[in-house]
N, C-alpha and C. Protein backbone atom coordinates (compact mmCIF):
# COMPACT_ATOMS: atom_id res chain seq x y z
N UNK A 1 12.43 27.21 22.31
CA UNK A 1 11.94 27.34 23.66
C UNK A 1 12.97 26.91 24.70
N UNK A 2 14.10 26.37 24.25
CA UNK A 2 15.19 26.05 25.16
C UNK A 2 15.00 24.79 25.98
N UNK A 3 13.92 24.06 25.76
CA UNK A 3 13.68 22.84 26.53
C UNK A 3 14.57 21.71 26.04
N UNK A 4 14.99 20.84 26.95
CA UNK A 4 15.82 19.69 26.61
C UNK A 4 15.25 18.44 27.26
N UNK A 5 15.41 17.32 26.56
CA UNK A 5 14.96 16.04 27.11
C UNK A 5 15.83 15.71 28.31
N UNK A 6 15.18 15.39 29.42
CA UNK A 6 15.90 15.06 30.64
C UNK A 6 16.03 13.55 30.78
N UNK A 7 14.92 12.84 30.58
CA UNK A 7 14.93 11.40 30.76
C UNK A 7 13.75 10.80 30.00
N UNK A 8 13.86 9.53 29.65
CA UNK A 8 12.76 8.80 29.02
C UNK A 8 11.95 8.15 30.13
N UNK A 9 10.68 8.47 30.18
CA UNK A 9 9.81 7.95 31.23
C UNK A 9 9.42 6.51 30.93
N UNK A 10 9.11 6.23 29.65
CA UNK A 10 8.65 4.89 29.30
C UNK A 10 8.80 4.67 27.80
N UNK A 11 9.21 3.48 27.41
CA UNK A 11 9.18 3.07 26.02
C UNK A 11 8.04 2.07 25.89
N UNK A 12 7.30 2.17 24.80
CA UNK A 12 6.17 1.25 24.64
C UNK A 12 6.09 0.74 23.21
N UNK A 13 5.25 -0.26 23.03
CA UNK A 13 5.07 -0.89 21.73
C UNK A 13 3.60 -1.24 21.59
N UNK A 14 3.03 -0.95 20.43
CA UNK A 14 1.64 -1.30 20.17
C UNK A 14 1.58 -2.74 19.64
N UNK A 15 0.66 -3.52 20.17
CA UNK A 15 0.52 -4.91 19.77
C UNK A 15 -0.95 -5.18 19.48
N UNK A 16 -1.21 -5.88 18.39
CA UNK A 16 -2.56 -6.26 18.02
C UNK A 16 -2.75 -7.72 18.38
N UNK A 17 -3.72 -8.00 19.24
CA UNK A 17 -3.94 -9.37 19.72
C UNK A 17 -5.36 -9.80 19.36
N UNK A 18 -5.50 -11.04 18.89
CA UNK A 18 -6.82 -11.56 18.55
C UNK A 18 -6.85 -13.06 18.82
N UNK A 19 -8.02 -13.55 19.08
CA UNK A 19 -8.19 -14.99 19.25
C UNK A 19 -8.06 -15.67 17.88
N UNK A 20 -7.51 -16.87 17.82
CA UNK A 20 -7.41 -17.57 16.53
C UNK A 20 -8.77 -18.04 16.00
N UNK A 21 -9.81 -17.93 16.82
CA UNK A 21 -11.14 -18.43 16.44
C UNK A 21 -12.10 -17.28 16.13
N UNK A 22 -11.66 -16.30 15.37
CA UNK A 22 -12.50 -15.16 15.03
C UNK A 22 -13.58 -15.55 14.03
N UNK A 23 -14.73 -14.89 14.15
CA UNK A 23 -15.79 -15.05 13.15
C UNK A 23 -15.29 -14.45 11.84
N UNK A 24 -15.82 -14.93 10.72
CA UNK A 24 -15.37 -14.46 9.41
C UNK A 24 -15.49 -12.95 9.26
N UNK A 25 -16.60 -12.38 9.72
CA UNK A 25 -16.80 -10.94 9.59
C UNK A 25 -15.73 -10.17 10.36
N UNK A 26 -15.43 -10.60 11.56
CA UNK A 26 -14.40 -9.94 12.37
C UNK A 26 -13.01 -10.18 11.78
N UNK A 27 -12.80 -11.36 11.19
CA UNK A 27 -11.51 -11.66 10.56
C UNK A 27 -11.28 -10.73 9.37
N UNK A 28 -12.34 -10.45 8.60
CA UNK A 28 -12.23 -9.52 7.47
C UNK A 28 -11.87 -8.12 7.95
N UNK A 29 -12.49 -7.68 9.03
CA UNK A 29 -12.19 -6.36 9.59
C UNK A 29 -10.74 -6.32 10.08
N UNK A 30 -10.31 -7.37 10.75
CA UNK A 30 -8.93 -7.44 11.24
C UNK A 30 -7.94 -7.41 10.07
N UNK A 31 -8.21 -8.17 9.02
CA UNK A 31 -7.33 -8.18 7.85
C UNK A 31 -7.26 -6.81 7.18
N UNK A 32 -8.37 -6.11 7.13
CA UNK A 32 -8.39 -4.76 6.56
C UNK A 32 -7.56 -3.80 7.41
N UNK A 33 -7.67 -3.91 8.71
CA UNK A 33 -6.88 -3.07 9.62
C UNK A 33 -5.39 -3.35 9.45
N UNK A 34 -5.01 -4.62 9.38
CA UNK A 34 -3.61 -4.99 9.19
C UNK A 34 -3.10 -4.46 7.86
N UNK A 35 -3.89 -4.58 6.81
CA UNK A 35 -3.52 -4.07 5.49
C UNK A 35 -3.25 -2.57 5.54
N UNK A 36 -4.10 -1.83 6.22
CA UNK A 36 -3.93 -0.37 6.31
C UNK A 36 -2.69 0.00 7.11
N UNK A 37 -2.45 -0.70 8.20
CA UNK A 37 -1.25 -0.43 9.01
C UNK A 37 0.00 -0.71 8.19
N UNK A 38 0.01 -1.83 7.48
CA UNK A 38 1.18 -2.19 6.67
C UNK A 38 1.44 -1.18 5.56
N UNK A 39 0.38 -0.62 4.97
CA UNK A 39 0.58 0.35 3.89
C UNK A 39 1.26 1.61 4.40
N UNK A 40 0.97 2.00 5.63
CA UNK A 40 1.63 3.16 6.24
C UNK A 40 3.08 2.82 6.58
N UNK A 41 3.31 1.63 7.12
CA UNK A 41 4.67 1.23 7.49
C UNK A 41 5.58 1.14 6.27
N UNK A 42 5.10 0.57 5.18
CA UNK A 42 5.89 0.47 3.96
C UNK A 42 6.19 1.86 3.41
N UNK A 43 5.21 2.75 3.46
CA UNK A 43 5.39 4.11 2.95
C UNK A 43 6.49 4.85 3.69
N UNK A 44 6.60 4.63 4.99
CA UNK A 44 7.60 5.33 5.80
C UNK A 44 9.03 5.01 5.37
N UNK A 45 9.25 3.85 4.79
CA UNK A 45 10.61 3.47 4.41
C UNK A 45 10.92 3.78 2.94
N UNK A 46 10.04 4.52 2.28
CA UNK A 46 10.23 4.88 0.87
C UNK A 46 9.99 6.36 0.64
N UNK A 47 10.58 6.89 -0.43
CA UNK A 47 10.39 8.28 -0.85
C UNK A 47 9.99 8.29 -2.31
N UNK A 48 9.15 9.27 -2.67
CA UNK A 48 8.76 9.49 -4.06
C UNK A 48 9.67 10.58 -4.60
N UNK A 49 10.37 10.31 -5.69
CA UNK A 49 11.26 11.33 -6.24
C UNK A 49 10.86 11.68 -7.68
N UNK A 50 11.00 12.96 -7.99
CA UNK A 50 10.75 13.48 -9.32
C UNK A 50 12.02 14.20 -9.75
N UNK A 51 12.39 14.06 -11.00
CA UNK A 51 13.62 14.71 -11.47
C UNK A 51 13.52 14.98 -12.96
N UNK A 52 14.33 15.91 -13.41
CA UNK A 52 14.52 16.14 -14.84
C UNK A 52 15.80 15.42 -15.22
N UNK A 53 15.77 14.73 -16.36
CA UNK A 53 16.98 14.00 -16.77
C UNK A 53 17.11 14.02 -18.29
N UNK A 54 18.36 13.96 -18.75
CA UNK A 54 18.56 13.89 -20.20
C UNK A 54 18.05 12.55 -20.74
N UNK A 55 17.43 12.60 -21.90
CA UNK A 55 16.86 11.37 -22.48
C UNK A 55 17.88 10.27 -22.68
N UNK A 56 19.12 10.64 -22.98
CA UNK A 56 20.13 9.61 -23.22
C UNK A 56 20.59 8.90 -21.94
N UNK A 57 20.13 9.38 -20.78
CA UNK A 57 20.49 8.74 -19.50
C UNK A 57 19.33 7.94 -18.90
N UNK A 58 18.17 7.98 -19.54
CA UNK A 58 16.97 7.35 -18.96
C UNK A 58 17.18 5.86 -18.71
N UNK A 59 17.78 5.16 -19.65
CA UNK A 59 17.97 3.71 -19.49
C UNK A 59 18.80 3.39 -18.24
N UNK A 60 19.90 4.11 -18.06
CA UNK A 60 20.76 3.87 -16.89
C UNK A 60 20.06 4.30 -15.60
N UNK A 61 19.32 5.41 -15.66
CA UNK A 61 18.60 5.89 -14.47
C UNK A 61 17.54 4.88 -14.04
N UNK A 62 16.82 4.30 -15.00
CA UNK A 62 15.78 3.33 -14.63
C UNK A 62 16.37 2.02 -14.09
N UNK A 63 17.63 1.75 -14.39
CA UNK A 63 18.30 0.61 -13.76
C UNK A 63 18.59 0.91 -12.28
N UNK A 64 18.89 2.16 -11.98
CA UNK A 64 19.19 2.57 -10.60
C UNK A 64 17.92 2.67 -9.77
N UNK A 65 16.87 3.25 -10.35
CA UNK A 65 15.59 3.41 -9.64
C UNK A 65 14.44 2.83 -10.48
N UNK A 66 14.27 1.52 -10.45
CA UNK A 66 13.23 0.90 -11.27
C UNK A 66 11.80 1.18 -10.81
N UNK A 67 11.64 1.70 -9.60
CA UNK A 67 10.30 1.99 -9.10
C UNK A 67 9.59 0.73 -8.63
N UNK A 68 8.30 0.86 -8.39
CA UNK A 68 7.53 -0.29 -7.92
C UNK A 68 7.30 -1.28 -9.07
N UNK A 69 6.87 -0.77 -10.19
CA UNK A 69 6.70 -1.60 -11.39
C UNK A 69 7.56 -1.03 -12.50
N UNK A 70 7.49 0.28 -12.65
CA UNK A 70 8.26 0.99 -13.67
C UNK A 70 8.16 2.48 -13.36
N UNK A 71 9.23 3.25 -13.60
CA UNK A 71 9.12 4.68 -13.36
C UNK A 71 8.19 5.34 -14.39
N UNK A 72 7.64 6.48 -14.02
CA UNK A 72 6.85 7.28 -14.95
C UNK A 72 7.80 8.23 -15.66
N UNK A 73 7.72 8.29 -16.98
CA UNK A 73 8.59 9.16 -17.76
C UNK A 73 7.72 10.05 -18.64
N UNK A 74 7.89 11.36 -18.48
CA UNK A 74 7.10 12.34 -19.24
C UNK A 74 8.05 13.26 -19.99
N UNK A 75 7.77 13.53 -21.27
CA UNK A 75 8.65 14.44 -22.02
C UNK A 75 8.51 15.87 -21.51
N UNK A 76 9.63 16.59 -21.48
CA UNK A 76 9.62 18.00 -21.12
C UNK A 76 9.56 18.84 -22.40
N UNK A 77 9.20 20.11 -22.25
CA UNK A 77 9.17 21.01 -23.39
C UNK A 77 10.57 21.18 -23.97
N UNK A 78 11.58 21.19 -23.10
CA UNK A 78 12.96 21.32 -23.55
C UNK A 78 13.37 20.03 -24.26
N UNK A 79 13.76 20.14 -25.50
CA UNK A 79 14.11 18.97 -26.30
C UNK A 79 15.26 18.19 -25.67
N UNK A 80 15.13 16.86 -25.68
CA UNK A 80 16.18 15.99 -25.16
C UNK A 80 16.09 15.73 -23.67
N UNK A 81 15.03 16.23 -23.03
CA UNK A 81 14.87 16.07 -21.58
C UNK A 81 13.51 15.48 -21.24
N UNK A 82 13.47 14.74 -20.14
CA UNK A 82 12.23 14.16 -19.64
C UNK A 82 12.15 14.34 -18.13
N UNK A 83 10.94 14.22 -17.63
CA UNK A 83 10.71 14.20 -16.18
C UNK A 83 10.51 12.74 -15.80
N UNK A 84 11.23 12.28 -14.80
CA UNK A 84 11.15 10.89 -14.37
C UNK A 84 10.68 10.85 -12.92
N UNK A 85 9.67 10.03 -12.64
CA UNK A 85 9.11 9.89 -11.30
C UNK A 85 9.27 8.44 -10.87
N UNK A 86 9.70 8.24 -9.62
CA UNK A 86 9.90 6.87 -9.14
C UNK A 86 9.86 6.82 -7.62
N UNK A 87 9.92 5.62 -7.09
CA UNK A 87 9.95 5.38 -5.65
C UNK A 87 11.32 4.83 -5.29
N UNK A 88 11.90 5.35 -4.19
CA UNK A 88 13.23 4.94 -3.75
C UNK A 88 13.18 4.53 -2.29
N UNK A 89 13.85 3.44 -1.96
CA UNK A 89 13.97 2.98 -0.58
C UNK A 89 14.82 3.98 0.20
N UNK A 90 14.35 4.36 1.36
CA UNK A 90 15.04 5.34 2.21
C UNK A 90 16.47 4.91 2.54
N UNK A 91 16.71 3.61 2.71
CA UNK A 91 18.04 3.13 3.08
C UNK A 91 19.09 3.36 1.99
N UNK A 92 18.67 3.39 0.73
CA UNK A 92 19.59 3.58 -0.39
C UNK A 92 19.54 4.99 -0.96
N UNK A 93 18.75 5.85 -0.33
CA UNK A 93 18.43 7.14 -0.92
C UNK A 93 19.64 7.97 -1.33
N UNK A 94 20.55 8.28 -0.40
CA UNK A 94 21.66 9.19 -0.71
C UNK A 94 22.62 8.59 -1.73
N UNK A 95 22.84 7.30 -1.66
CA UNK A 95 23.71 6.64 -2.64
C UNK A 95 23.11 6.78 -4.04
N UNK A 96 21.81 6.54 -4.15
CA UNK A 96 21.15 6.62 -5.45
C UNK A 96 21.08 8.05 -5.96
N UNK A 97 20.87 9.01 -5.07
CA UNK A 97 20.82 10.41 -5.49
C UNK A 97 22.15 10.81 -6.12
N UNK A 98 23.25 10.41 -5.51
CA UNK A 98 24.57 10.72 -6.07
C UNK A 98 24.76 10.07 -7.44
N UNK A 99 24.29 8.84 -7.60
CA UNK A 99 24.38 8.17 -8.90
C UNK A 99 23.54 8.90 -9.95
N UNK A 100 22.34 9.34 -9.55
CA UNK A 100 21.46 10.04 -10.48
C UNK A 100 22.07 11.37 -10.93
N UNK A 101 22.64 12.09 -9.97
CA UNK A 101 23.29 13.37 -10.30
C UNK A 101 24.45 13.16 -11.25
N UNK A 102 25.21 12.09 -11.07
CA UNK A 102 26.35 11.83 -11.95
C UNK A 102 25.90 11.49 -13.37
N UNK A 103 24.65 11.06 -13.53
CA UNK A 103 24.10 10.77 -14.86
C UNK A 103 23.40 11.98 -15.48
N UNK A 104 23.43 13.12 -14.77
CA UNK A 104 22.86 14.35 -15.32
C UNK A 104 21.49 14.72 -14.79
N UNK A 105 20.95 13.95 -13.85
CA UNK A 105 19.65 14.30 -13.27
C UNK A 105 19.77 15.61 -12.51
N UNK A 106 18.74 16.44 -12.63
CA UNK A 106 18.73 17.72 -11.91
C UNK A 106 17.30 18.08 -11.54
N UNK A 107 17.16 19.12 -10.74
CA UNK A 107 15.83 19.51 -10.27
C UNK A 107 15.15 18.37 -9.53
N UNK A 108 15.90 17.68 -8.69
CA UNK A 108 15.39 16.49 -8.00
C UNK A 108 14.52 16.92 -6.83
N UNK A 109 13.28 16.46 -6.82
CA UNK A 109 12.34 16.73 -5.73
C UNK A 109 12.09 15.44 -4.98
N UNK A 110 12.05 15.53 -3.67
CA UNK A 110 11.82 14.36 -2.82
C UNK A 110 10.56 14.60 -2.01
N UNK A 111 9.63 13.66 -2.08
CA UNK A 111 8.33 13.81 -1.44
C UNK A 111 8.06 12.60 -0.55
N UNK A 112 7.63 12.83 0.71
CA UNK A 112 7.28 11.68 1.55
C UNK A 112 6.01 11.00 1.02
N UNK A 113 5.92 9.72 1.26
CA UNK A 113 4.75 8.94 0.85
C UNK A 113 3.90 8.67 2.09
N UNK A 114 2.63 8.99 2.01
CA UNK A 114 1.74 8.80 3.16
C UNK A 114 1.34 7.33 3.32
N UNK A 115 0.92 6.72 2.22
CA UNK A 115 0.52 5.31 2.23
C UNK A 115 1.03 4.70 0.93
N UNK A 116 1.36 3.40 0.98
CA UNK A 116 1.89 2.74 -0.20
C UNK A 116 1.24 1.37 -0.33
N UNK A 117 0.54 1.16 -1.43
CA UNK A 117 -0.19 -0.09 -1.64
C UNK A 117 0.39 -0.77 -2.87
N UNK A 118 1.00 -1.92 -2.65
CA UNK A 118 1.66 -2.64 -3.76
C UNK A 118 0.68 -3.52 -4.50
């Protein structure tokens, strides 16, 4: 459409404010809201990746991308290969992708995470 940003009118920040003397019921609701907000924030800084990798590289690959607890590893129909699923921090993403490729990983899919609950 050819439109260009001319100027920023306002920068803002959302802040959640509460009295320290909340009733228990309201405190539970507040804690649930904070939990949900944090799950979205954590998800934004991580990516879910799926890849095919040679079985003899799985040990080294899981050292590079250990996941939240452990990566998911599923055997493929092609002998000697597995599908590996894991979570990667966005800040290390490209460095780790290059390491994975050098170990033989291929067919790498990257999926955004909507919410992440540890």
